Amino acid sequence: MGMTFGPMAALLPELFPTEVRYSGASLAYNLASIIGATIAAMISLKINASFGVMGVGIYLAINALMTLLALLASKETKTLI
């Protein structure tokens, strides 16, 4: 979870212009949390039923790896605004 939420807190505000930074970051964060938490919970339940707790751990590790890869692939944002 830390590999996902740590970089997200630094990246989200940089995606929006100063005039709408707080609103844009908070709306993006909250909508993503609602949608992501719902889908992740349903997937985790299915994986747990099929593969047990170890399967859920592998699922979380894969998500953390995808977050790291997305962060490494993202461009520097300090020159965008």
C-alpha atoms as a PDB file:
ATOM      1  CA  MET A   1       0.000   0.000   0.000  1.00  0.00           C
ATOM      2  CA  GLY A   2       2.831   2.385   0.765  1.00  0.00           C
ATOM      3  CA  MET A   3       4.302   1.863  -2.698  1.00  0.00           C
ATOM      4  CA  THR A   4       1.008   3.061  -4.147  1.00  0.00           C
ATOM      5  CA  PHE A   5      -0.077   5.869  -1.828  1.00  0.00           C
ATOM      6  CA  GLY A   6       3.348   7.420  -1.232  1.00  0.00           C
ATOM      7  CA  PRO A   7       4.086   8.381  -4.851  1.00  0.00           C
ATOM      8  CA  MET A   8       0.437   9.225  -5.472  1.00  0.00           C
ATOM      9  CA  ALA A   9       0.476  11.976  -2.838  1.00  0.00           C
ATOM     10  CA  ALA A  10       3.440  13.591  -4.567  1.00  0.00           C
ATOM     11  CA  LEU A  11       2.215  13.128  -8.139  1.00  0.00           C
ATOM     12  CA  LEU A  12      -1.484  14.061  -7.980  1.00  0.00           C
ATOM     13  CA  PRO A  13      -1.107  17.756  -7.071  1.00  0.00           C
ATOM     14  CA  GLU A  14       1.436  18.240  -9.847  1.00  0.00           C
ATOM     15  CA  LEU A  15      -1.072  17.132 -12.485  1.00  0.00           C
ATOM     16  CA  PHE A  16      -3.323  20.170 -12.055  1.00  0.00           C
ATOM     17  CA  PRO A  17      -2.818  23.922 -12.557  1.00  0.00           C
ATOM     18  CA  THR A  18      -2.507  26.008  -9.393  1.00  0.00           C
ATOM     19  CA  GLU A  19      -6.034  27.465  -9.673  1.00  0.00           C
ATOM     20  CA  VAL A  20      -7.726  24.041  -9.431  1.00  0.00           C
ATOM     21  CA  ARG A  21      -4.968  21.987  -7.809  1.00  0.00           C
ATOM     22  CA  TYR A  22      -6.737  21.210  -4.535  1.00  0.00           C
ATOM     23  CA  SER A  23     -10.099  20.419  -6.155  1.00  0.00           C
ATOM     24  CA  GLY A  24      -8.572  18.371  -8.953  1.00  0.00           C
ATOM     25  CA  ALA A  25      -6.304  16.336  -6.709  1.00  0.00           C
ATOM     26  CA  SER A  26      -9.007  15.678  -4.120  1.00  0.00           C
ATOM     27  CA  LEU A  27     -11.617  14.702  -6.707  1.00  0.00           C
ATOM     28  CA  ALA A  28      -9.192  12.409  -8.530  1.00  0.00           C
ATOM     29  CA  TYR A  29      -8.011  10.832  -5.271  1.00  0.00           C
ATOM     30  CA  ASN A  30     -11.484  10.215  -3.867  1.00  0.00           C
ATOM     31  CA  LEU A  31     -13.039   8.871  -7.067  1.00  0.00           C
ATOM     32  CA  ALA A  32     -10.077   6.574  -7.634  1.00  0.00           C
ATOM     33  CA  SER A  33     -10.290   5.376  -4.025  1.00  0.00           C
ATOM     34  CA  ILE A  34     -13.981   4.521  -4.309  1.00  0.00           C
ATOM     35  CA  ILE A  35     -13.661   2.740  -7.646  1.00  0.00           C
ATOM     36  CA  GLY A  36     -10.343   1.088  -6.859  1.00  0.00           C
ATOM     37  CA  ALA A  37     -11.360  -0.142  -3.415  1.00  0.00           C
ATOM     38  CA  THR A  38     -14.566  -1.684  -4.722  1.00  0.00           C
ATOM     39  CA  ILE A  39     -12.911  -3.519  -7.588  1.00  0.00           C
ATOM     40  CA  ALA A  40      -9.879  -4.597  -5.537  1.00  0.00           C
ATOM     41  CA  ALA A  41     -12.099  -6.011  -2.788  1.00  0.00           C
ATOM     42  CA  MET A  42     -14.139  -8.064  -5.249  1.00  0.00           C
ATOM     43  CA  ILE A  43     -11.015  -9.383  -6.971  1.00  0.00           C
ATOM     44  CA  SER A  44      -9.405 -10.227  -3.614  1.00  0.00           C
ATOM     45  CA  LEU A  45     -12.472 -12.199  -2.525  1.00  0.00           C
ATOM     46  CA  LYS A  46     -12.413 -14.247  -5.733  1.00  0.00           C
ATOM     47  CA  ILE A  47      -8.664 -14.872  -5.483  1.00  0.00           C
ATOM     48  CA  ASN A  48      -8.951 -15.831  -1.808  1.00  0.00           C
ATOM     49  CA  ALA A  49     -11.716 -18.323  -2.603  1.00  0.00           C
ATOM     50  CA  SER A  50      -9.652 -19.906  -5.381  1.00  0.00           C
ATOM     51  CA  PHE A  51      -6.039 -19.658  -4.180  1.00  0.00           C
ATOM     52  CA  GLY A  52      -6.148 -18.686  -0.506  1.00  0.00           C
ATOM     53  CA  VAL A  53      -4.390 -15.880   1.311  1.00  0.00           C
ATOM     54  CA  MET A  54      -1.130 -16.429  -0.577  1.00  0.00           C
ATOM     55  CA  GLY A  55      -2.935 -15.653  -3.833  1.00  0.00           C
ATOM     56  CA  VAL A  56      -4.142 -12.336  -2.408  1.00  0.00           C
ATOM     57  CA  GLY A  57      -0.582 -11.508  -1.333  1.00  0.00           C
ATOM     58  CA  ILE A  58       0.692 -12.202  -4.836  1.00  0.00           C
ATOM     59  CA  TYR A  59      -2.104 -10.038  -6.259  1.00  0.00           C
ATOM     60  CA  LEU A  60      -1.072  -7.145  -3.992  1.00  0.00           C
ATOM     61  CA  ALA A  61       2.594  -7.592  -4.909  1.00  0.00           C
ATOM     62  CA  ILE A  62       1.735  -7.474  -8.613  1.00  0.00           C
ATOM     63  CA  ASN A  63      -0.252  -4.263  -8.057  1.00  0.00           C
ATOM     64  CA  ALA A  64       2.683  -2.704  -6.202  1.00  0.00           C
ATOM     65  CA  LEU A  65       5.000  -3.654  -9.067  1.00  0.00           C
ATOM     66  CA  MET A  66       2.621  -2.117 -11.613  1.00  0.00           C
ATOM     67  CA  THR A  67       2.546   1.081  -9.543  1.00  0.00           C
ATOM     68  CA  LEU A  68       6.335   1.212  -9.471  1.00  0.00           C
ATOM     69  CA  LEU A  69       6.558   0.663 -13.234  1.00  0.00           C
ATOM     70  CA  ALA A  70       3.958   3.376 -13.896  1.00  0.00           C
ATOM     71  CA  LEU A  71       5.834   5.788 -11.652  1.00  0.00           C
ATOM     72  CA  LEU A  72       9.135   5.069 -13.393  1.00  0.00           C
ATOM     73  CA  ALA A  73       7.510   5.493 -16.819  1.00  0.00           C
ATOM     74  CA  SER A  74       5.851   8.810 -15.949  1.00  0.00           C
ATOM     75  CA  LYS A  75       7.419  12.032 -17.152  1.00  0.00           C
ATOM     76  CA  GLU A  76       8.766  14.773 -14.913  1.00  0.00           C
ATOM     77  CA  THR A  77       5.899  17.124 -14.114  1.00  0.00           C
ATOM     78  CA  LYS A  78       7.711  20.233 -12.899  1.00  0.00           C
ATOM     79  CA  THR A  79       7.881  21.622 -16.457  1.00  0.00           C
ATOM     80  CA  LEU A  80       4.210  21.013 -17.307  1.00  0.00           C
ATOM     81  CA  ILE A  81       2.710  23.944 -15.419  1.00  0.00           C
END
